[in-house]
Amino acid sequence: MLVAPDSFKGTMSAIVVAEALADGVRQAGGLPVVCPVADGGEGTLAVLEPVIGGTRVHITATAPDSRRVPAWFLLSADGSTAVVETATASGLHLVDPETVDAFAATSAGTGELLAAAAAAGAITILLGVGGSGCSDGGLGALAAIDDAGGLGDARVTVLCDVTTSYEEAARIYGPQKGADPTTVARLTDRLNNTAASLPRDPRGFAKTGAAGGLSGALWARHGADLVSGIDRVLEEVDFARLLADADLVLTGEGRLDAQTSEGKVVAGVVRWATRAHVPVHAVVGRNDAPADLLTTLGLASATEAGEPDTLRDSAATLTRHATRTSPDPRTTSRK
């Protein structure tokens, strides 16, 4: 049983979710292989840390509301690779919903982290952009990078968890970051004005709207590569090799809904597992999926479980069912 969940945003890390699911597999007599994953959102750095190694470098950065807050990035042992997580400095969790000014919210802190990683000698910077609390089109980050003297020879690869284009960022994600309809319209006007002023126009290109347009700004100004976050993470953790020995995959995320297919963990895990002919079951904090989403994704099932105890119970139930229904490996090949 390959156990490969995302974090449940705001409640449990991917590692905590994976261990709870693995406990349930063991209780039911299965053999779990634990592989927590991420899609570029919160928890991406923690998932990649055991693979890339190195140390966390701590700085003080600018939060979306311009407060100075502690932040960090991961620097590999040889100093050539850094992992930066937008949520660390520019995350939605740093925004007070009671006092938020969605138009003023800035991505400057992420720019400061990128500049610090480049100054530390990193040539490759992996930037996870999920979980942001700003829709400034990357203006704050670009200004912070300029103030620090640029990124030198560093190459940024943005791990995107959505496919939204730049001009759509405020309309789709602004409300969850505290923007009312009037503010969404102002933000969208600013996105369009910013796009027209950049060296390359990011409008109409997939993935440029991640983190309120931050990904598009880095693509336009600094030549960043925009990639699927879940695919890059699965490559880093050698997921294909783990799938080769798996009879079943248990994955999950905090909420299964229409956005799942836009680049989230569950969709990516199913895509990879389908190629390997391994069935996938999802255990999620909340299931708001449209009626046809499971079929569209190719999920065998989706179970709601929002606490460690219910995660364990769900995993045990799925393991027992798989054991009862699996063909005899002595006479039948799975592939």
Protein backbone atom coordinates (compact mmCIF):
# COMPACT_ATOMS: atom_id res chain seq x y z
CA MET A 1 0.00 0.00 0.00
CA LEU A 2 1.69 3.19 -1.19
CA VAL A 3 0.56 6.00 1.15
CA ALA A 4 0.95 9.33 -0.64
CA PRO A 5 -1.30 12.13 0.69
CA ASP A 6 -1.02 15.90 0.63
CA SER A 7 -1.40 18.01 3.76
CA PHE A 8 -4.86 18.88 5.02
CA LYS A 9 -4.44 22.64 4.87
CA GLY A 10 -4.52 24.33 8.24
CA THR A 11 -4.99 21.12 10.21
CA MET A 12 -2.46 18.37 9.46
CA SER A 13 0.79 18.18 7.54
CA ALA A 14 1.24 15.60 4.79
CA ILE A 15 3.57 13.69 7.10
CA VAL A 16 0.96 13.52 9.88
CA VAL A 17 -1.74 12.41 7.43
CA ALA A 18 0.55 9.79 5.89
CA GLU A 19 1.51 8.31 9.26
CA ALA A 20 -2.14 8.08 10.36
CA LEU A 21 -3.08 6.30 7.13
CA ALA A 22 -0.07 4.00 7.45
CA ASP A 23 -1.11 3.04 10.99
CA GLY A 24 -4.50 1.97 9.64
CA VAL A 25 -2.89 -0.10 6.89
CA ARG A 26 -0.71 -1.88 9.45
CA GLN A 27 -3.65 -2.54 11.75
CA ALA A 28 -5.42 -4.32 8.88
CA GLY A 29 -2.38 -6.42 8.03
CA GLY A 30 -1.11 -4.42 5.06
CA LEU A 31 2.41 -3.21 4.38
CA PRO A 32 2.48 0.61 4.02
CA VAL A 33 5.17 2.50 2.15
CA VAL A 34 4.96 6.10 3.36
CA CYS A 35 5.53 8.84 0.79
CA PRO A 36 3.93 12.20 1.73
CA VAL A 37 3.68 14.50 -1.30
CA ALA A 38 2.75 18.08 -2.22
CA ASP A 39 1.76 20.11 -5.28
CA GLY A 40 3.67 23.32 -4.70
CA GLY A 41 1.42 24.46 -1.86
CA GLU A 42 1.98 24.50 1.87
CA GLY A 43 4.19 21.64 2.99
CA THR A 44 6.18 21.34 -0.24
CA LEU A 45 9.44 22.25 1.47
CA ALA A 46 8.89 19.67 4.22
CA VAL A 47 8.14 16.95 1.65
CA LEU A 48 11.25 17.72 -0.42
CA GLU A 49 13.55 18.23 2.57
CA PRO A 50 14.34 14.51 3.11
CA VAL A 51 15.07 14.10 -0.61
CA ILE A 52 17.18 17.21 -1.22
CA GLY A 53 18.75 17.36 2.21
CA GLY A 54 20.71 20.37 3.40
CA THR A 55 19.66 22.94 5.96
CA ARG A 56 16.98 25.57 6.49
CA VAL A 57 18.18 29.14 6.18
CA HIS A 58 16.17 31.61 8.25
CA ILE A 59 15.54 35.27 7.39
CA THR A 60 13.06 37.98 8.31
CA ALA A 61 10.65 38.72 5.45
CA THR A 62 7.66 40.90 4.60
CA ALA A 63 4.22 39.36 5.19
CA PRO A 64 1.26 40.20 2.93
CA ASP A 65 0.19 42.93 5.36
CA SER A 66 3.77 44.33 5.41
CA ARG A 67 4.58 43.03 8.89
CA ARG A 68 8.07 41.57 9.30
CA VAL A 69 7.85 37.85 10.03
CA PRO A 70 10.27 34.91 10.33
CA ALA A 71 10.66 32.93 7.10
CA TRP A 72 13.01 30.32 5.70
CA PHE A 73 14.16 28.38 2.67
CA LEU A 74 15.92 25.06 2.21
CA LEU A 75 19.49 25.05 0.86
CA SER A 76 21.05 21.77 -0.29
CA ALA A 77 24.31 20.62 1.27
CA ASP A 78 26.32 21.66 -1.79
CA GLY A 79 24.53 25.00 -1.96
CA SER A 80 23.41 24.56 -5.54
CA THR A 81 19.68 24.00 -4.97
CA ALA A 82 17.15 25.88 -2.87
CA VAL A 83 13.50 25.23 -2.12
CA VAL A 84 11.36 28.28 -1.37
CA GLU A 85 7.76 28.05 -0.22
CA THR A 86 5.62 31.11 -0.93
CA ALA A 87 3.32 30.34 2.00
CA THR A 88 6.25 30.78 4.41
CA ALA A 89 6.43 34.53 3.87
CA SER A 90 3.36 35.36 1.77
CA GLY A 91 0.85 32.79 3.00
CA LEU A 92 -2.86 33.22 3.51
CA HIS A 93 -2.39 32.09 7.12
CA LEU A 94 -0.45 35.32 7.73
CA VAL A 95 -3.46 37.45 6.76
CA ASP A 96 -5.96 38.55 9.41
CA PRO A 97 -9.42 38.16 7.81
CA GLU A 98 -10.77 40.89 10.09
CA THR A 99 -8.34 43.55 8.89
CA VAL A 100 -7.20 42.31 5.49
CA ASP A 101 -6.64 44.81 2.70
CA ALA A 102 -6.67 42.50 -0.30
CA PHE A 103 -5.56 45.25 -2.69
CA ALA A 104 -2.54 46.18 -0.57
CA ALA A 105 -1.48 42.59 0.17
CA THR A 106 2.06 42.11 -1.15
CA SER A 107 4.20 39.22 -2.39
CA ALA A 108 7.39 41.04 -1.35
CA GLY A 109 8.34 38.41 1.22
CA THR A 110 8.61 35.72 -1.45
CA GLY A 111 10.84 38.00 -3.51
CA GLU A 112 13.06 38.47 -0.46
CA LEU A 113 13.31 34.69 -0.01
CA LEU A 114 14.19 34.19 -3.68
CA ALA A 115 16.86 36.88 -3.52
CA ALA A 116 18.29 35.42 -0.32
CA ALA A 117 18.45 31.94 -1.88
CA ALA A 118 20.27 33.34 -4.91
CA ALA A 119 22.66 35.29 -2.69
CA ALA A 120 23.41 32.06 -0.80
CA GLY A 121 24.70 30.58 -4.07
CA ALA A 122 21.73 28.53 -5.29
CA ILE A 123 21.71 28.01 -9.05
CA THR A 124 18.43 26.09 -9.08
CA ILE A 125 15.53 27.48 -7.04
CA LEU A 126 12.33 25.45 -6.74
CA LEU A 127 9.49 27.77 -5.75
CA GLY A 128 6.23 26.34 -4.43
CA VAL A 129 3.52 28.95 -4.98
CA GLY A 130 0.40 27.50 -3.35
CA GLY A 131 -1.29 28.95 -0.28
CA SER A 132 -0.54 32.60 -0.99
CA GLY A 133 -2.42 35.48 0.61
CA CYS A 134 -1.91 38.09 -2.11
CA SER A 135 -3.14 38.95 -5.61
CA ASP A 136 -0.65 41.66 -6.55
CA GLY A 137 0.46 40.07 -9.81
CA GLY A 138 3.93 39.53 -8.37
CA LEU A 139 4.66 43.26 -8.15
CA GLY A 140 5.89 43.05 -4.56
CA ALA A 141 8.18 40.12 -5.31
CA LEU A 142 9.64 41.78 -8.41
CA ALA A 143 10.37 44.97 -6.46
CA ALA A 144 12.03 43.04 -3.62
CA ILE A 145 14.21 41.12 -6.07
CA ASP A 146 15.25 44.38 -7.76
CA ASP A 147 16.03 45.97 -4.37
CA ALA A 148 18.28 43.01 -3.54
CA GLY A 149 20.20 43.30 -6.80
CA GLY A 150 18.46 40.57 -8.78
CA LEU A 151 18.80 36.80 -8.87
CA GLY A 152 22.22 36.55 -10.51
CA ASP A 153 22.70 33.20 -12.26
CA ALA A 154 19.90 31.47 -10.36
CA ARG A 155 17.18 29.76 -12.39
CA VAL A 156 13.70 29.65 -10.86
CA THR A 157 11.35 26.73 -11.45
CA VAL A 158 7.84 27.49 -10.20
CA LEU A 159 5.91 24.49 -8.86
CA CYS A 160 2.33 25.43 -9.76
CA ASP A 161 -0.74 23.91 -8.15
CA VAL A 162 -3.21 25.51 -10.59
CA THR A 163 -3.41 26.09 -14.33
CA THR A 164 -5.12 29.51 -14.12
CA SER A 165 -3.84 32.27 -16.40
CA TYR A 166 -2.56 35.61 -15.09
CA GLU A 167 -5.57 37.80 -15.85
CA GLU A 168 -7.94 35.37 -14.09
CA ALA A 169 -6.06 35.20 -10.78
CA ALA A 170 -8.04 37.82 -8.87
CA ARG A 171 -11.42 36.73 -10.16
CA ILE A 172 -10.90 33.09 -9.19
CA TYR A 173 -8.84 33.36 -6.02
CA GLY A 174 -9.28 36.93 -4.81
CA PRO A 175 -12.46 36.27 -2.80
CA GLN A 176 -10.76 33.61 -0.66
CA LYS A 177 -8.05 36.17 0.10
CA GLY A 178 -10.51 38.76 1.37
CA ALA A 179 -11.38 40.64 -1.83
CA ASP A 180 -14.97 41.80 -2.28
CA PRO A 181 -16.37 42.22 -5.83
CA THR A 182 -15.20 45.83 -6.09
CA THR A 183 -11.70 44.90 -4.98
CA VAL A 184 -11.62 41.94 -7.38
CA ALA A 185 -12.35 44.35 -10.22
CA ARG A 186 -9.56 46.70 -9.08
CA LEU A 187 -7.14 43.80 -8.74
CA THR A 188 -8.02 42.55 -12.21
CA ASP A 189 -7.45 46.01 -13.70
CA ARG A 190 -4.04 46.11 -12.04
CA LEU A 191 -3.19 42.63 -13.31
CA ASN A 192 -3.98 43.69 -16.86
CA ASN A 193 -1.97 46.90 -16.54
CA THR A 194 0.96 45.04 -15.03
CA ALA A 195 0.86 42.35 -17.71
CA ALA A 196 1.08 44.97 -20.44
CA SER A 197 4.17 46.50 -18.81
CA LEU A 198 6.17 43.29 -18.36
CA PRO A 199 8.84 42.11 -20.83
CA ARG A 200 6.54 39.24 -21.80
CA ASP A 201 2.76 39.38 -21.50
CA PRO A 202 1.66 36.48 -19.25
CA ARG A 203 -2.02 36.75 -20.07
CA GLY A 204 -3.53 33.70 -21.71
CA PHE A 205 -0.74 31.35 -20.63
CA ALA A 206 -1.53 28.43 -18.32
CA LYS A 207 -0.08 28.50 -14.80
CA THR A 208 0.78 32.23 -14.90
CA GLY A 209 -2.00 33.02 -12.42
CA ALA A 210 -0.63 30.94 -9.54
CA ALA A 211 -0.16 32.84 -6.26
CA GLY A 212 -2.14 35.82 -7.51
CA GLY A 213 -0.02 36.14 -10.63
CA LEU A 214 3.36 35.74 -8.93
CA SER A 215 4.24 32.82 -11.21
CA GLY A 216 3.45 34.87 -14.32
CA ALA A 217 5.51 37.82 -13.14
CA LEU A 218 8.55 35.60 -12.55
CA TRP A 219 8.01 33.95 -15.94
CA ALA A 220 7.78 37.33 -17.66
CA ARG A 221 10.61 39.17 -15.90
CA HIS A 222 13.04 36.44 -14.85
CA GLY A 223 12.39 33.64 -17.36
CA ALA A 224 11.09 31.25 -14.69
CA ASP A 225 9.96 27.80 -15.77
CA LEU A 226 6.33 27.05 -14.86
CA VAL A 227 5.74 23.36 -14.19
CA SER A 228 3.15 21.14 -12.56
CA GLY A 229 4.02 21.12 -8.87
CA ILE A 230 2.72 17.63 -8.21
CA ASP A 231 4.57 16.18 -11.20
CA ARG A 232 7.87 17.73 -10.15
CA VAL A 233 7.45 16.54 -6.56
CA LEU A 234 6.60 13.01 -7.72
CA GLU A 235 9.73 13.02 -9.85
CA GLU A 236 11.84 14.17 -6.90
CA VAL A 237 10.54 11.43 -4.58
CA ASP A 238 11.00 8.71 -7.28
CA PHE A 239 7.29 7.92 -7.27
CA ALA A 240 7.44 5.74 -10.39
CA ARG A 241 9.81 3.33 -8.65
CA LEU A 242 7.55 3.11 -5.61
CA LEU A 243 4.52 2.47 -7.82
CA ALA A 244 6.23 -0.53 -9.41
CA ASP A 245 5.85 -2.49 -6.17
CA ALA A 246 2.45 -1.13 -5.08
CA ASP A 247 -0.85 -3.01 -5.12
CA LEU A 248 -2.85 0.06 -4.17
CA VAL A 249 -2.30 3.77 -3.53
CA LEU A 250 -3.87 5.77 -0.71
CA THR A 251 -3.79 9.50 -1.38
CA GLY A 252 -5.73 12.47 -0.06
CA GLU A 253 -6.02 16.20 0.49
CA GLY A 254 -7.98 18.53 2.69
CA ARG A 255 -10.78 19.08 0.21
CA LEU A 256 -11.81 17.18 -2.91
CA ASP A 257 -13.65 19.54 -5.27
CA ALA A 258 -13.74 20.89 -8.80
CA GLN A 259 -10.29 22.48 -8.36
CA THR A 260 -8.73 19.08 -7.69
CA SER A 261 -8.33 18.41 -11.39
CA GLU A 262 -6.53 21.74 -11.91
CA GLY A 263 -3.15 20.45 -10.72
CA LYS A 264 -3.74 19.25 -7.16
CA VAL A 265 -2.17 16.21 -5.51
CA VAL A 266 -5.01 13.71 -5.96
CA ALA A 267 -5.26 14.32 -9.70
CA GLY A 268 -1.51 13.99 -10.17
CA VAL A 269 -1.21 10.83 -8.10
CA VAL A 270 -4.08 9.20 -10.01
CA ARG A 271 -2.50 10.14 -13.33
CA TRP A 272 0.81 8.55 -12.42
CA ALA A 273 -0.81 5.48 -10.84
CA THR A 274 -3.09 4.92 -13.81
CA ARG A 275 -0.06 4.63 -16.09
CA ALA A 276 1.27 1.94 -13.74
CA HIS A 277 -2.14 0.16 -13.56
CA VAL A 278 -2.40 0.70 -9.79
CA PRO A 279 -5.83 1.64 -8.30
CA VAL A 280 -6.05 4.78 -6.17
CA HIS A 281 -8.33 5.50 -3.21
CA ALA A 282 -8.57 8.99 -1.72
CA VAL A 283 -9.16 9.83 1.93
CA VAL A 284 -10.04 13.51 2.21
CA GLY A 285 -10.99 15.99 4.88
CA ARG A 286 -14.06 17.08 2.93
CA ASN A 287 -15.62 15.68 -0.20
CA ASP A 288 -17.26 18.42 -2.28
CA ALA A 289 -16.57 16.71 -5.58
CA PRO A 290 -19.12 17.01 -8.40
CA ALA A 291 -20.96 13.78 -9.09
CA ASP A 292 -18.78 12.82 -12.05
CA LEU A 293 -15.39 13.90 -10.70
CA LEU A 294 -14.33 10.50 -9.34
CA THR A 295 -14.98 8.92 -12.72
CA THR A 296 -13.26 11.77 -14.55
CA LEU A 297 -10.20 11.54 -12.34
CA GLY A 298 -10.15 7.74 -12.29
CA LEU A 299 -10.42 7.40 -8.52
CA ALA A 300 -11.56 4.04 -7.16
CA SER A 301 -13.20 5.74 -4.16
CA ALA A 302 -13.21 8.83 -1.95
CA THR A 303 -13.77 8.70 1.82
CA GLU A 304 -14.20 11.62 4.21
CA ALA A 305 -11.95 11.56 7.28
CA GLY A 306 -10.72 14.71 8.94
CA GLU A 307 -8.99 13.46 12.09
CA PRO A 308 -6.09 11.04 12.72
CA ASP A 309 -8.43 8.44 14.24
CA THR A 310 -10.82 8.49 11.29
CA LEU A 311 -7.90 8.47 8.87
CA ARG A 312 -6.61 5.30 10.53
CA ASP A 313 -10.06 3.69 10.47
CA SER A 314 -10.59 4.55 6.82
CA ALA A 315 -7.20 3.18 5.81
CA ALA A 316 -7.84 -0.02 7.74
CA THR A 317 -11.22 -0.49 6.06
CA LEU A 318 -9.77 0.08 2.58
CA THR A 319 -6.91 -2.32 3.31
CA ARG A 320 -9.23 -5.08 4.51
CA HIS A 321 -11.44 -4.63 1.45
CA ALA A 322 -8.44 -4.73 -0.88
CA THR A 323 -7.19 -7.90 0.80
CA ARG A 324 -10.57 -9.60 0.35
CA THR A 325 -10.91 -8.63 -3.30
CA SER A 326 -7.32 -8.98 -4.54
CA PRO A 327 -6.64 -11.88 -6.91
CA ASP A 328 -4.23 -14.61 -5.87
CA PRO A 329 -0.78 -13.31 -6.96
CA ARG A 330 0.34 -16.91 -7.54
CA THR A 331 -2.09 -17.26 -10.44
CA THR A 332 -2.90 -13.75 -11.65
CA SER A 333 -0.72 -10.87 -12.73
CA ARG A 334 -1.89 -7.34 -11.92
CA LYS A 335 -0.34 -5.89 -15.07
